[in-house]
PDB file of all heavy atoms in Angstrom:
ATOM      1  N   ASN A   1       0.827  -1.204   0.000  1.00  0.00           N
ATOM      2  CA  ASN A   1       0.000   0.000   0.000  1.00  0.00           C
ATOM      3  C   ASN A   1       0.869   1.264   0.000  1.00  0.00           C
ATOM      4  O   ASN A   1       2.079   1.205   0.167  1.00  0.00           O
ATOM      5  CB  ASN A   1      -0.917  -0.021   1.228  1.00  0.00           C
ATOM      6  CG  ASN A   1      -1.951   1.070   1.187  1.00  0.00           C
ATOM      7  OD1 ASN A   1      -2.358   1.520   0.115  1.00  0.00           O
ATOM      8  ND2 ASN A   1      -2.376   1.537   2.356  1.00  0.00           N
ATOM      9  N   LYS A   2       0.186   2.396  -0.175  1.00  0.00           N
ATOM     10  CA  LYS A   2       0.791   3.742  -0.177  1.00  0.00           C
ATOM     11  C   LYS A   2       1.648   3.984  -1.420  1.00  0.00           C
ATOM     12  O   LYS A   2       2.704   4.619  -1.354  1.00  0.00           O
ATOM     13  CB  LYS A   2       1.590   3.980   1.118  1.00  0.00           C
ATOM     14  CG  LYS A   2       0.736   3.787   2.374  1.00  0.00           C
ATOM     15  CD  LYS A   2       1.486   4.126   3.644  1.00  0.00           C
ATOM     16  CE  LYS A   2       0.622   3.867   4.884  1.00  0.00           C
ATOM     17  NZ  LYS A   2       1.311   4.173   6.140  1.00  0.00           N
ATOM     18  N   LEU A   3       1.168   3.467  -2.540  1.00  0.00           N
ATOM     19  CA  LEU A   3       1.849   3.700  -3.805  1.00  0.00           C
ATOM     20  C   LEU A   3       1.898   5.188  -4.137  1.00  0.00           C
ATOM     21  O   LEU A   3       2.827   5.655  -4.810  1.00  0.00           O
ATOM     22  CB  LEU A   3       1.120   2.924  -4.914  1.00  0.00           C
ATOM     23  CG  LEU A   3       1.726   2.909  -6.312  1.00  0.00           C
ATOM     24  CD1 LEU A   3       3.142   2.345  -6.294  1.00  0.00           C
ATOM     25  CD2 LEU A   3       0.847   2.100  -7.263  1.00  0.00           C
ATOM     26  N   ASP A   4       0.907   5.926  -3.638  1.00  0.00           N
ATOM     27  CA  ASP A   4       0.850   7.370  -3.911  1.00  0.00           C
ATOM     28  C   ASP A   4       1.984   8.137  -3.246  1.00  0.00           C
ATOM     29  O   ASP A   4       2.260   9.290  -3.603  1.00  0.00           O
ATOM     30  CB  ASP A   4      -0.494   7.934  -3.438  1.00  0.00           C
ATOM     31  CG  ASP A   4      -0.768   7.597  -1.984  1.00  0.00           C
ATOM     32  OD1 ASP A   4      -0.814   6.398  -1.644  1.00  0.00           O
ATOM     33  OD2 ASP A   4      -0.925   8.533  -1.164  1.00  0.00           O
ATOM     34  N   GLN A   5       2.638   7.505  -2.252  1.00  0.00           N
ATOM     35  CA  GLN A   5       3.736   8.186  -1.565  1.00  0.00           C
ATOM     36  C   GLN A   5       5.101   7.896  -2.190  1.00  0.00           C
ATOM     37  O   GLN A   5       6.122   8.362  -1.683  1.00  0.00           O
ATOM     38  CB  GLN A   5       3.748   7.773  -0.087  1.00  0.00           C
ATOM     39  CG  GLN A   5       2.494   8.175   0.669  1.00  0.00           C
ATOM     40  CD  GLN A   5       2.568   7.824   2.152  1.00  0.00           C
ATOM     41  OE1 GLN A   5       3.661   7.636   2.695  1.00  0.00           O
ATOM     42  NE2 GLN A   5       1.409   7.760   2.792  1.00  0.00           N
ATOM     43  N   CYS A   6       5.128   7.106  -3.254  1.00  0.00           N
ATOM     44  CA  CYS A   6       6.384   6.757  -3.910  1.00  0.00           C
ATOM     45  C   CYS A   6       6.417   7.412  -5.290  1.00  0.00           C
ATOM     46  O   CYS A   6       5.443   7.316  -6.053  1.00  0.00           O
ATOM     47  CB  CYS A   6       6.517   5.239  -4.055  1.00  0.00           C
ATOM     48  SG  CYS A   6       6.422   4.373  -2.479  1.00  0.00           S
ATOM     49  N   HIS A   7       7.531   8.031  -5.629  1.00  0.00           N
ATOM     50  CA  HIS A   7       7.592   8.795  -6.865  1.00  0.00           C
ATOM     51  C   HIS A   7       8.931   8.557  -7.584  1.00  0.00           C
ATOM     52  O   HIS A   7       9.925   8.136  -6.978  1.00  0.00           O
ATOM     53  CB  HIS A   7       7.436  10.294  -6.578  1.00  0.00           C
ATOM     54  CG  HIS A   7       6.221  10.637  -5.763  1.00  0.00           C
ATOM     55  ND1 HIS A   7       4.958  10.689  -6.291  1.00  0.00           N
ATOM     56  CD2 HIS A   7       6.094  10.901  -4.420  1.00  0.00           C
ATOM     57  CE1 HIS A   7       4.095  10.993  -5.333  1.00  0.00           C
ATOM     58  NE2 HIS A   7       4.760  11.125  -4.193  1.00  0.00           N
ATOM     59  N   GLY A   8       8.926   8.839  -8.871  1.00  0.00           N
ATOM     60  CA  GLY A   8      10.141   8.854  -9.664  1.00  0.00           C
ATOM     61  C   GLY A   8      10.885   7.533  -9.694  1.00  0.00           C
ATOM     62  O   GLY A   8      10.302   6.445  -9.709  1.00  0.00           O
ATOM     63  N   ALA A   9      12.231   7.637  -9.657  1.00  0.00           N
ATOM     64  CA  ALA A   9      13.081   6.453  -9.772  1.00  0.00           C
ATOM     65  C   ALA A   9      12.901   5.514  -8.589  1.00  0.00           C
ATOM     66  O   ALA A   9      12.960   4.288  -8.742  1.00  0.00           O
ATOM     67  CB  ALA A   9      14.546   6.882  -9.885  1.00  0.00           C
ATOM     68  N   ALA A  10      12.657   6.079  -7.385  1.00  0.00           N
ATOM     69  CA  ALA A  10      12.458   5.240  -6.205  1.00  0.00           C
ATOM     70  C   ALA A  10      11.220   4.359  -6.379  1.00  0.00           C
ATOM     71  O   ALA A  10      11.214   3.185  -5.994  1.00  0.00           O
ATOM     72  CB  ALA A  10      12.305   6.118  -4.964  1.00  0.00           C
ATOM     73  N   ARG A  11      10.181   4.923  -6.972  1.00  0.00           N
ATOM     74  CA  ARG A  11       8.953   4.159  -7.211  1.00  0.00           C
ATOM     75  C   ARG A  11       9.229   2.982  -8.142  1.00  0.00           C
ATOM     76  O   ARG A  11       8.790   1.857  -7.892  1.00  0.00           O
ATOM     77  CB  ARG A  11       7.893   5.093  -7.794  1.00  0.00           C
ATOM     78  CG  ARG A  11       6.593   4.408  -8.216  1.00  0.00           C
ATOM     79  CD  ARG A  11       5.688   5.401  -8.924  1.00  0.00           C
ATOM     80  NE  ARG A  11       4.494   4.774  -9.453  1.00  0.00           N
ATOM     81  CZ  ARG A  11       3.267   5.041  -9.074  1.00  0.00           C
ATOM     82  NH1 ARG A  11       3.046   5.930  -8.118  1.00  0.00           N
ATOM     83  NH2 ARG A  11       2.236   4.452  -9.640  1.00  0.00           N
ATOM     84  N   LEU A  12       9.986   3.258  -9.235  1.00  0.00           N
ATOM     85  CA  LEU A  12      10.278   2.200 -10.199  1.00  0.00           C
ATOM     86  C   LEU A  12      11.103   1.088  -9.565  1.00  0.00           C
ATOM     87  O   LEU A  12      10.875  -0.101  -9.826  1.00  0.00           O
ATOM     88  CB  LEU A  12      11.015   2.788 -11.405  1.00  0.00           C
ATOM     89  CG  LEU A  12      10.213   3.783 -12.260  1.00  0.00           C
ATOM     90  CD1 LEU A  12      11.078   4.361 -13.364  1.00  0.00           C
ATOM     91  CD2 LEU A  12       8.975   3.100 -12.848  1.00  0.00           C
ATOM     92  N   ARG A  13      12.083   1.472  -8.717  1.00  0.00           N
ATOM     93  CA  ARG A  13      12.913   0.465  -8.053  1.00  0.00           C
ATOM     94  C   ARG A  13      12.074  -0.397  -7.116  1.00  0.00           C
ATOM     95  O   ARG A  13      12.230  -1.624  -7.068  1.00  0.00           O
ATOM     96  CB  ARG A  13      14.052   1.147  -7.278  1.00  0.00           C
ATOM     97  CG  ARG A  13      15.187   1.670  -8.148  1.00  0.00           C
ATOM     98  CD  ARG A  13      16.422   1.974  -7.305  1.00  0.00           C
ATOM     99  NE  ARG A  13      16.136   2.905  -6.207  1.00  0.00           N
ATOM    100  CZ  ARG A  13      16.173   4.230  -6.327  1.00  0.00           C
ATOM    101  NH1 ARG A  13      16.508   4.782  -7.494  1.00  0.00           N
ATOM    102  NH2 ARG A  13      15.915   5.006  -5.295  1.00  0.00           N
ATOM    103  N   LEU A  14      11.184   0.242  -6.356  1.00  0.00           N
ATOM    104  CA  LEU A  14      10.337  -0.505  -5.427  1.00  0.00           C
ATOM    105  C   LEU A  14       9.427  -1.484  -6.160  1.00  0.00           C
ATOM    106  O   LEU A  14       9.296  -2.654  -5.784  1.00  0.00           O
ATOM    107  CB  LEU A  14       9.500   0.456  -4.589  1.00  0.00           C
ATOM    108  CG  LEU A  14      10.219   1.193  -3.469  1.00  0.00           C
ATOM    109  CD1 LEU A  14       9.312   2.263  -2.854  1.00  0.00           C
ATOM    110  CD2 LEU A  14      10.663   0.205  -2.381  1.00  0.00           C
ATOM    111  N   LEU A  15       8.791  -1.012  -7.221  1.00  0.00           N
ATOM    112  CA  LEU A  15       7.882  -1.877  -7.964  1.00  0.00           C
ATOM    113  C   LEU A  15       8.622  -3.055  -8.588  1.00  0.00           C
ATOM    114  O   LEU A  15       8.107  -4.178  -8.625  1.00  0.00           O
ATOM    115  CB  LEU A  15       7.158  -1.069  -9.046  1.00  0.00           C
ATOM    116  CG  LEU A  15       6.174   0.000  -8.550  1.00  0.00           C
ATOM    117  CD1 LEU A  15       5.575   0.761  -9.723  1.00  0.00           C
ATOM    118  CD2 LEU A  15       5.069  -0.631  -7.709  1.00  0.00           C
ATOM    119  N   ALA A  16       9.842  -2.817  -9.056  1.00  0.00           N
ATOM    120  CA  ALA A  16      10.621  -3.892  -9.664  1.00  0.00           C
ATOM    121  C   ALA A  16      11.025  -4.945  -8.641  1.00  0.00           C
ATOM    122  O   ALA A  16      11.248  -6.111  -8.984  1.00  0.00           O
ATOM    123  CB  ALA A  16      11.856  -3.313 -10.351  1.00  0.00           C
ATOM    124  N   SER A  17      11.135  -4.529  -7.377  1.00  0.00           N
ATOM    125  CA  SER A  17      11.595  -5.460  -6.338  1.00  0.00           C
ATOM    126  C   SER A  17      10.471  -6.294  -5.720  1.00  0.00           C
ATOM    127  O   SER A  17      10.746  -7.201  -4.933  1.00  0.00           O
ATOM    128  CB  SER A  17      12.293  -4.671  -5.219  1.00  0.00           C
ATOM    129  OG  SER A  17      11.348  -3.850  -4.518  1.00  0.00           O
ATOM    130  N   LEU A  18       9.228  -6.003  -6.054  1.00  0.00           N
ATOM    131  CA  LEU A  18       8.110  -6.658  -5.370  1.00  0.00           C
ATOM    132  C   LEU A  18       7.877  -8.088  -5.814  1.00  0.00           C
ATOM    133  O   LEU A  18       7.356  -8.902  -5.057  1.00  0.00           O
ATOM    134  CB  LEU A  18       6.821  -5.847  -5.579  1.00  0.00           C
ATOM    135  CG  LEU A  18       6.802  -4.439  -4.996  1.00  0.00           C
ATOM    136  CD1 LEU A  18       5.445  -3.794  -5.204  1.00  0.00           C
ATOM    137  CD2 LEU A  18       7.181  -4.451  -3.517  1.00  0.00           C
ATOM    138  N   GLY A  19       8.204  -8.413  -7.035  1.00  0.00           N
ATOM    139  CA  GLY A  19       7.912  -9.750  -7.530  1.00  0.00           C
ATOM    140  C   GLY A  19       6.603  -9.773  -8.304  1.00  0.00           C
ATOM    141  O   GLY A  19       5.735  -8.915  -8.132  1.00  0.00           O
ATOM    142  N   SER A  20       6.454 -10.796  -9.139  1.00  0.00           N
ATOM    143  CA  SER A  20       5.308 -10.845 -10.053  1.00  0.00           C
ATOM    144  C   SER A  20       3.987 -11.093  -9.338  1.00  0.00           C
ATOM    145  O   SER A  20       2.915 -10.737  -9.854  1.00  0.00           O
ATOM    146  CB  SER A  20       5.538 -11.938 -11.099  1.00  0.00           C
ATOM    147  OG  SER A  20       5.724 -13.202 -10.456  1.00  0.00           O
ATOM    148  N   ASP A  21       4.004 -11.723  -8.175  1.00  0.00           N
ATOM    149  CA  ASP A  21       2.754 -12.054  -7.482  1.00  0.00           C
ATOM    150  C   ASP A  21       2.230 -10.913  -6.612  1.00  0.00           C
ATOM    151  O   ASP A  21       1.090 -10.966  -6.158  1.00  0.00           O
ATOM    152  CB  ASP A  21       2.956 -13.295  -6.596  1.00  0.00           C
ATOM    153  CG  ASP A  21       3.169 -14.549  -7.424  1.00  0.00           C
ATOM    154  OD1 ASP A  21       2.716 -14.553  -8.591  1.00  0.00           O
ATOM    155  OD2 ASP A  21       3.783 -15.496  -6.922  1.00  0.00           O
ATOM    156  N   ALA A  22       3.050  -9.923  -6.341  1.00  0.00           N
ATOM    157  CA  ALA A  22       2.640  -8.846  -5.444  1.00  0.00           C
ATOM    158  C   ALA A  22       1.810  -7.803  -6.193  1.00  0.00           C
ATOM    159  O   ALA A  22       1.932  -7.627  -7.408  1.00  0.00           O
ATOM    160  CB  ALA A  22       3.857  -8.195  -4.810  1.00  0.00           C
ATOM    161  N   LEU A  23       0.972  -7.116  -5.431  1.00  0.00           N
ATOM    162  CA  LEU A  23       0.143  -6.038  -5.962  1.00  0.00           C
ATOM    163  C   LEU A  23       0.484  -4.751  -5.236  1.00  0.00           C
ATOM    164  O   LEU A  23       0.605  -4.740  -4.014  1.00  0.00           O
ATOM    165  CB  LEU A  23      -1.345  -6.356  -5.756  1.00  0.00           C
ATOM    166  CG  LEU A  23      -1.937  -7.494  -6.584  1.00  0.00           C
ATOM    167  CD1 LEU A  23      -3.289  -7.892  -6.014  1.00  0.00           C
ATOM    168  CD2 LEU A  23      -2.084  -7.068  -8.033  1.00  0.00           C
ATOM    169  N   ALA A  24       0.628  -3.673  -5.984  1.00  0.00           N
ATOM    170  CA  ALA A  24       0.870  -2.361  -5.394  1.00  0.00           C
ATOM    171  C   ALA A  24      -0.381  -1.512  -5.565  1.00  0.00           C
ATOM    172  O   ALA A  24      -0.946  -1.434  -6.667  1.00  0.00           O
ATOM    173  CB  ALA A  24       2.060  -1.683  -6.052  1.00  0.00           C
ATOM    174  N   VAL A  25      -0.840  -0.892  -4.473  1.00  0.00           N
ATOM    175  CA  VAL A  25      -2.084  -0.124  -4.518  1.00  0.00           C
ATOM    176  C   VAL A  25      -1.928   1.168  -3.729  1.00  0.00           C
ATOM    177  O   VAL A  25      -0.989   1.327  -2.942  1.00  0.00           O
ATOM    178  CB  VAL A  25      -3.270  -0.920  -3.920  1.00  0.00           C
ATOM    179  CG1 VAL A  25      -3.467  -2.232  -4.644  1.00  0.00           C
ATOM    180  CG2 VAL A  25      -3.091  -1.142  -2.417  1.00  0.00           C
ATOM    181  N   SER A  26      -2.874   2.054  -3.958  1.00  0.00           N
ATOM    182  CA  SER A  26      -3.019   3.234  -3.116  1.00  0.00           C
ATOM    183  C   SER A  26      -4.438   3.222  -2.583  1.00  0.00           C
ATOM    184  O   SER A  26      -5.394   3.467  -3.329  1.00  0.00           O
ATOM    185  CB  SER A  26      -2.760   4.516  -3.910  1.00  0.00           C
ATOM    186  OG  SER A  26      -3.152   5.649  -3.139  1.00  0.00           O
ATOM    187  N   ALA A  27      -4.589   2.900  -1.296  1.00  0.00           N
ATOM    188  CA  ALA A  27      -5.925   2.820  -0.707  1.00  0.00           C
ATOM    189  C   ALA A  27      -6.607   4.182  -0.697  1.00  0.00           C
ATOM    190  O   ALA A  27      -7.833   4.273  -0.787  1.00  0.00           O
ATOM    191  CB  ALA A  27      -5.840   2.260   0.709  1.00  0.00           C
ATOM    192  N   THR A  28      -5.829   5.258  -0.591  1.00  0.00           N
ATOM    193  CA  THR A  28      -6.421   6.593  -0.548  1.00  0.00           C
ATOM    194  C   THR A  28      -6.657   7.166  -1.941  1.00  0.00           C
ATOM    195  O   THR A  28      -7.629   7.881  -2.168  1.00  0.00           O
ATOM    196  CB  THR A  28      -5.524   7.552   0.248  1.00  0.00           C
ATOM    197  OG1 THR A  28      -4.204   7.554  -0.328  1.00  0.00           O
ATOM    198  CG2 THR A  28      -5.441   7.108   1.700  1.00  0.00           C
ATOM    199  N   GLY A  29      -5.785   6.818  -2.899  1.00  0.00           N
ATOM    200  CA  GLY A  29      -5.918   7.367  -4.247  1.00  0.00           C
ATOM    201  C   GLY A  29      -6.655   6.470  -5.217  1.00  0.00           C
ATOM    202  O   GLY A  29      -7.090   6.906  -6.274  1.00  0.00           O
ATOM    203  N   GLY A  30      -6.770   5.184  -4.891  1.00  0.00           N
ATOM    204  CA  GLY A  30      -7.507   4.252  -5.739  1.00  0.00           C
ATOM    205  C   GLY A  30      -6.667   3.521  -6.762  1.00  0.00           C
ATOM    206  O   GLY A  30      -7.156   2.599  -7.423  1.00  0.00           O
ATOM    207  N   GLU A  31      -5.411   3.877  -6.910  1.00  0.00           N
ATOM    208  CA  GLU A  31      -4.568   3.236  -7.904  1.00  0.00           C
ATOM    209  C   GLU A  31      -4.354   1.764  -7.549  1.00  0.00           C
ATOM    210  O   GLU A  31      -4.064   1.411  -6.404  1.00  0.00           O
ATOM    211  CB  GLU A  31      -3.217   3.955  -7.980  1.00  0.00           C
ATOM    212  CG  GLU A  31      -2.342   3.490  -9.135  1.00  0.00           C
ATOM    213  CD  GLU A  31      -1.055   4.289  -9.240  1.00  0.00           C
ATOM    214  OE1 GLU A  31      -0.854   5.221  -8.411  1.00  0.00           O
ATOM    215  OE2 GLU A  31      -0.243   3.990 -10.141  1.00  0.00           O
ATOM    216  N   GLY A  32      -4.523   0.881  -8.521  1.00  0.00           N
ATOM    217  CA  GLY A  32      -4.293  -0.546  -8.317  1.00  0.00           C
ATOM    218  C   GLY A  32      -5.445  -1.306  -7.707  1.00  0.00           C
ATOM    219  O   GLY A  32      -5.381  -2.541  -7.594  1.00  0.00           O
ATOM    220  N   LEU A  33      -6.522  -0.633  -7.288  1.00  0.00           N
ATOM    221  CA  LEU A  33      -7.616  -1.329  -6.609  1.00  0.00           C
ATOM    222  C   LEU A  33      -8.379  -2.256  -7.549  1.00  0.00           C
ATOM    223  O   LEU A  33      -8.845  -3.328  -7.136  1.00  0.00           O
ATOM    224  CB  LEU A  33      -8.573  -0.318  -5.975  1.00  0.00           C
ATOM    225  CG  LEU A  33      -8.026   0.476  -4.792  1.00  0.00           C
ATOM    226  CD1 LEU A  33      -9.101   1.380  -4.212  1.00  0.00           C
ATOM    227  CD2 LEU A  33      -7.494  -0.464  -3.707  1.00  0.00           C
ATOM    228  N   GLU A  34      -8.527  -1.860  -8.811  1.00  0.00           N
ATOM    229  CA  GLU A  34      -9.237  -2.721  -9.754  1.00  0.00           C
ATOM    230  C   GLU A  34      -8.472  -4.029  -9.973  1.00  0.00           C
ATOM    231  O   GLU A  34      -9.071  -5.113 -10.049  1.00  0.00           O
ATOM    232  CB  GLU A  34      -9.460  -2.005 -11.087  1.00  0.00           C
ATOM    233  CG  GLU A  34     -10.254  -2.813 -12.103  1.00  0.00           C
ATOM    234  CD  GLU A  34     -11.614  -3.265 -11.583  1.00  0.00           C
ATOM    235  OE1 GLU A  34     -12.220  -2.548 -10.759  1.00  0.00           O
ATOM    236  OE2 GLU A  34     -12.073  -4.355 -12.016  1.00  0.00           O
ATOM    237  N   GLY A  35      -7.151  -3.944 -10.044  1.00  0.00           N
ATOM    238  CA  GLY A  35      -6.354  -5.155 -10.165  1.00  0.00           C
ATOM    239  C   GLY A  35      -6.503  -6.044  -8.946  1.00  0.00           C
ATOM    240  O   GLY A  35      -6.549  -7.281  -9.060  1.00  0.00           O
ATOM    241  N   LEU A  36      -6.614  -5.434  -7.754  1.00  0.00           N
ATOM    242  CA  LEU A  36      -6.821  -6.199  -6.526  1.00  0.00           C
ATOM    243  C   LEU A  36      -8.180  -6.900  -6.564  1.00  0.00           C
ATOM    244  O   LEU A  36      -8.297  -8.066  -6.176  1.00  0.00           O
ATOM    245  CB  LEU A  36      -6.721  -5.267  -5.316  1.00  0.00           C
ATOM    246  CG  LEU A  36      -7.041  -5.890  -3.949  1.00  0.00           C
ATOM    247  CD1 LEU A  36      -6.129  -7.075  -3.664  1.00  0.00           C
ATOM    248  CD2 LEU A  36      -6.919  -4.841  -2.846  1.00  0.00           C
ATOM    249  N   ARG A  37      -9.193  -6.179  -7.029  1.00  0.00           N
ATOM    250  CA  ARG A  37     -10.528  -6.787  -7.116  1.00  0.00           C
ATOM    251  C   ARG A  37     -10.510  -8.016  -8.032  1.00  0.00           C
ATOM    252  O   ARG A  37     -11.085  -9.062  -7.711  1.00  0.00           O
ATOM    253  CB  ARG A  37     -11.549  -5.762  -7.606  1.00  0.00           C
ATOM    254  CG  ARG A  37     -11.813  -4.616  -6.630  1.00  0.00           C
ATOM    255  CD  ARG A  37     -12.948  -3.731  -7.128  1.00  0.00           C
ATOM    256  NE  ARG A  37     -13.214  -2.624  -6.217  1.00  0.00           N
ATOM    257  CZ  ARG A  37     -12.731  -1.399  -6.380  1.00  0.00           C
ATOM    258  NH1 ARG A  37     -11.978  -1.120  -7.449  1.00  0.00           N
ATOM    259  NH2 ARG A  37     -13.007  -0.451  -5.504  1.00  0.00           N
ATOM    260  N   GLN A  38      -9.861  -7.887  -9.165  1.00  0.00           N
ATOM    261  CA  GLN A  38      -9.809  -9.009 -10.099  1.00  0.00           C
ATOM    262  C   GLN A  38      -9.006 -10.174  -9.522  1.00  0.00           C
ATOM    263  O   GLN A  38      -9.344 -11.343  -9.742  1.00  0.00           O
ATOM    264  CB  GLN A  38      -9.204  -8.550 -11.436  1.00  0.00           C
ATOM    265  CG  GLN A  38     -10.064  -7.558 -12.199  1.00  0.00           C
ATOM    266  CD  GLN A  38     -11.476  -8.069 -12.446  1.00  0.00           C
ATOM    267  OE1 GLN A  38     -11.675  -9.207 -12.886  1.00  0.00           O
ATOM    268  NE2 GLN A  38     -12.483  -7.237 -12.143  1.00  0.00           N
ATOM    269  N   ARG A  39      -7.957  -9.872  -8.780  1.00  0.00           N
ATOM    270  CA  ARG A  39      -7.180 -10.940  -8.139  1.00  0.00           C
ATOM    271  C   ARG A  39      -8.030 -11.662  -7.093  1.00  0.00           C
ATOM    272  O   ARG A  39      -7.940 -12.891  -6.958  1.00  0.00           O
ATOM    273  CB  ARG A  39      -5.916 -10.357  -7.495  1.00  0.00           C
ATOM    274  CG  ARG A  39      -4.978 -11.405  -6.890  1.00  0.00           C
ATOM    275  CD  ARG A  39      -4.266 -12.222  -7.944  1.00  0.00           C
ATOM    276  NE  ARG A  39      -3.342 -11.401  -8.707  1.00  0.00           N
ATOM    277  CZ  ARG A  39      -2.089 -11.132  -8.326  1.00  0.00           C
ATOM    278  NH1 ARG A  39      -1.618 -11.609  -7.175  1.00  0.00           N
ATOM    279  NH2 ARG A  39      -1.311 -10.387  -9.085  1.00  0.00           N
ATOM    280  N   LEU A  40      -8.862 -10.914  -6.363  1.00  0.00           N
ATOM    281  CA  LEU A  40      -9.749 -11.543  -5.383  1.00  0.00           C
ATOM    282  C   LEU A  40     -10.749 -12.472  -6.063  1.00  0.00           C
ATOM    283  O   LEU A  40     -11.040 -13.564  -5.563  1.00  0.00           O
ATOM    284  CB  LEU A  40     -10.484 -10.471  -4.578  1.00  0.00           C
ATOM    285  CG  LEU A  40      -9.657  -9.755  -3.511  1.00  0.00           C
ATOM    286  CD1 LEU A  40     -10.413  -8.555  -2.949  1.00  0.00           C
ATOM    287  CD2 LEU A  40      -9.305 -10.714  -2.380  1.00  0.00           C
ATOM    288  N   LEU A  41     -11.279 -12.056  -7.213  1.00  0.00           N
ATOM    289  CA  LEU A  41     -12.189 -12.927  -7.952  1.00  0.00           C
ATOM    290  C   LEU A  41     -11.477 -14.200  -8.401  1.00  0.00           C
ATOM    291  O   LEU A  41     -12.058 -15.296  -8.372  1.00  0.00           O
ATOM    292  CB  LEU A  41     -12.755 -12.195  -9.174  1.00  0.00           C
ATOM    293  CG  LEU A  41     -13.800 -11.112  -8.909  1.00  0.00           C
ATOM    294  CD1 LEU A  41     -14.238 -10.477 -10.225  1.00  0.00           C
ATOM    295  CD2 LEU A  41     -15.016 -11.678  -8.185  1.00  0.00           C
ATOM    296  N   ALA A  42     -10.222 -14.059  -8.817  1.00  0.00           N
ATOM    297  CA  ALA A  42      -9.463 -15.234  -9.238  1.00  0.00           C
ATOM    298  C   ALA A  42      -9.228 -16.190  -8.071  1.00  0.00           C
ATOM    299  O   ALA A  42      -9.343 -17.418  -8.217  1.00  0.00           O
ATOM    300  CB  ALA A  42      -8.128 -14.799  -9.847  1.00  0.00           C
ATOM    301  N   VAL A  43      -8.928 -15.630  -6.905  1.00  0.00           N
ATOM    302  CA  VAL A  43      -8.739 -16.463  -5.710  1.00  0.00           C
ATOM    303  C   VAL A  43     -10.026 -17.190  -5.359  1.00  0.00           C
ATOM    304  O   VAL A  43     -10.017 -18.361  -4.966  1.00  0.00           O
ATOM    305  CB  VAL A  43      -8.267 -15.590  -4.523  1.00  0.00           C
ATOM    306  CG1 VAL A  43      -8.352 -16.369  -3.216  1.00  0.00           C
ATOM    307  CG2 VAL A  43      -6.847 -15.110  -4.753  1.00  0.00           C
ATOM    308  N   ALA A  44     -11.148 -16.493  -5.525  1.00  0.00           N
ATOM    309  CA  ALA A  44     -12.440 -17.104  -5.220  1.00  0.00           C
ATOM    310  C   ALA A  44     -12.797 -18.211  -6.202  1.00  0.00           C
ATOM    311  O   ALA A  44     -13.637 -19.064  -5.902  1.00  0.00           O
ATOM    312  CB  ALA A  44     -13.534 -16.030  -5.227  1.00  0.00           C
ATOM    313  N   GLY A  45     -12.166 -18.203  -7.377  1.00  0.00           N
ATOM    314  CA  GLY A  45     -12.495 -19.197  -8.384  1.00  0.00           C
ATOM    315  C   GLY A  45     -13.619 -18.764  -9.295  1.00  0.00           C
ATOM    316  O   GLY A  45     -14.232 -19.589  -9.975  1.00  0.00           O
ATOM    317  N   TRP A  46     -13.882 -17.464  -9.344  1.00  0.00           N
ATOM    318  CA  TRP A  46     -14.983 -16.958 -10.157  1.00  0.00           C
ATOM    319  C   TRP A  46     -14.590 -16.963 -11.631  1.00  0.00           C
ATOM    320  O   TRP A  46     -13.586 -16.386 -12.015  1.00  0.00           O
ATOM    321  CB  TRP A  46     -15.344 -15.549  -9.705  1.00  0.00           C
ATOM    322  CG  TRP A  46     -16.488 -14.930 -10.454  1.00  0.00           C
ATOM    323  CD1 TRP A  46     -16.437 -13.856 -11.285  1.00  0.00           C
ATOM    324  CD2 TRP A  46     -17.858 -15.338 -10.416  1.00  0.00           C
ATOM    325  NE1 TRP A  46     -17.691 -13.570 -11.765  1.00  0.00           N
ATOM    326  CE2 TRP A  46     -18.583 -14.470 -11.255  1.00  0.00           C
ATOM    327  CE3 TRP A  46     -18.542 -16.367  -9.762  1.00  0.00           C
ATOM    328  CZ2 TRP A  46     -19.958 -14.588 -11.451  1.00  0.00           C
ATOM    329  CZ3 TRP A  46     -19.910 -16.496  -9.959  1.00  0.00           C
ATOM    330  CH2 TRP A  46     -20.598 -15.598 -10.796  1.00  0.00           C
TER     331      TRP A  46
END
């Protein structure tokens, strides 16, 4: 969480280090939430 607080080159480095299974979101700004919703549906088996 708190993707909105990461900017520029630091943001790119952080995202690259998370791994393919991780999700980055901003709970306050809404960024990445749709991807989280779809991942939850996949976990549910929908």
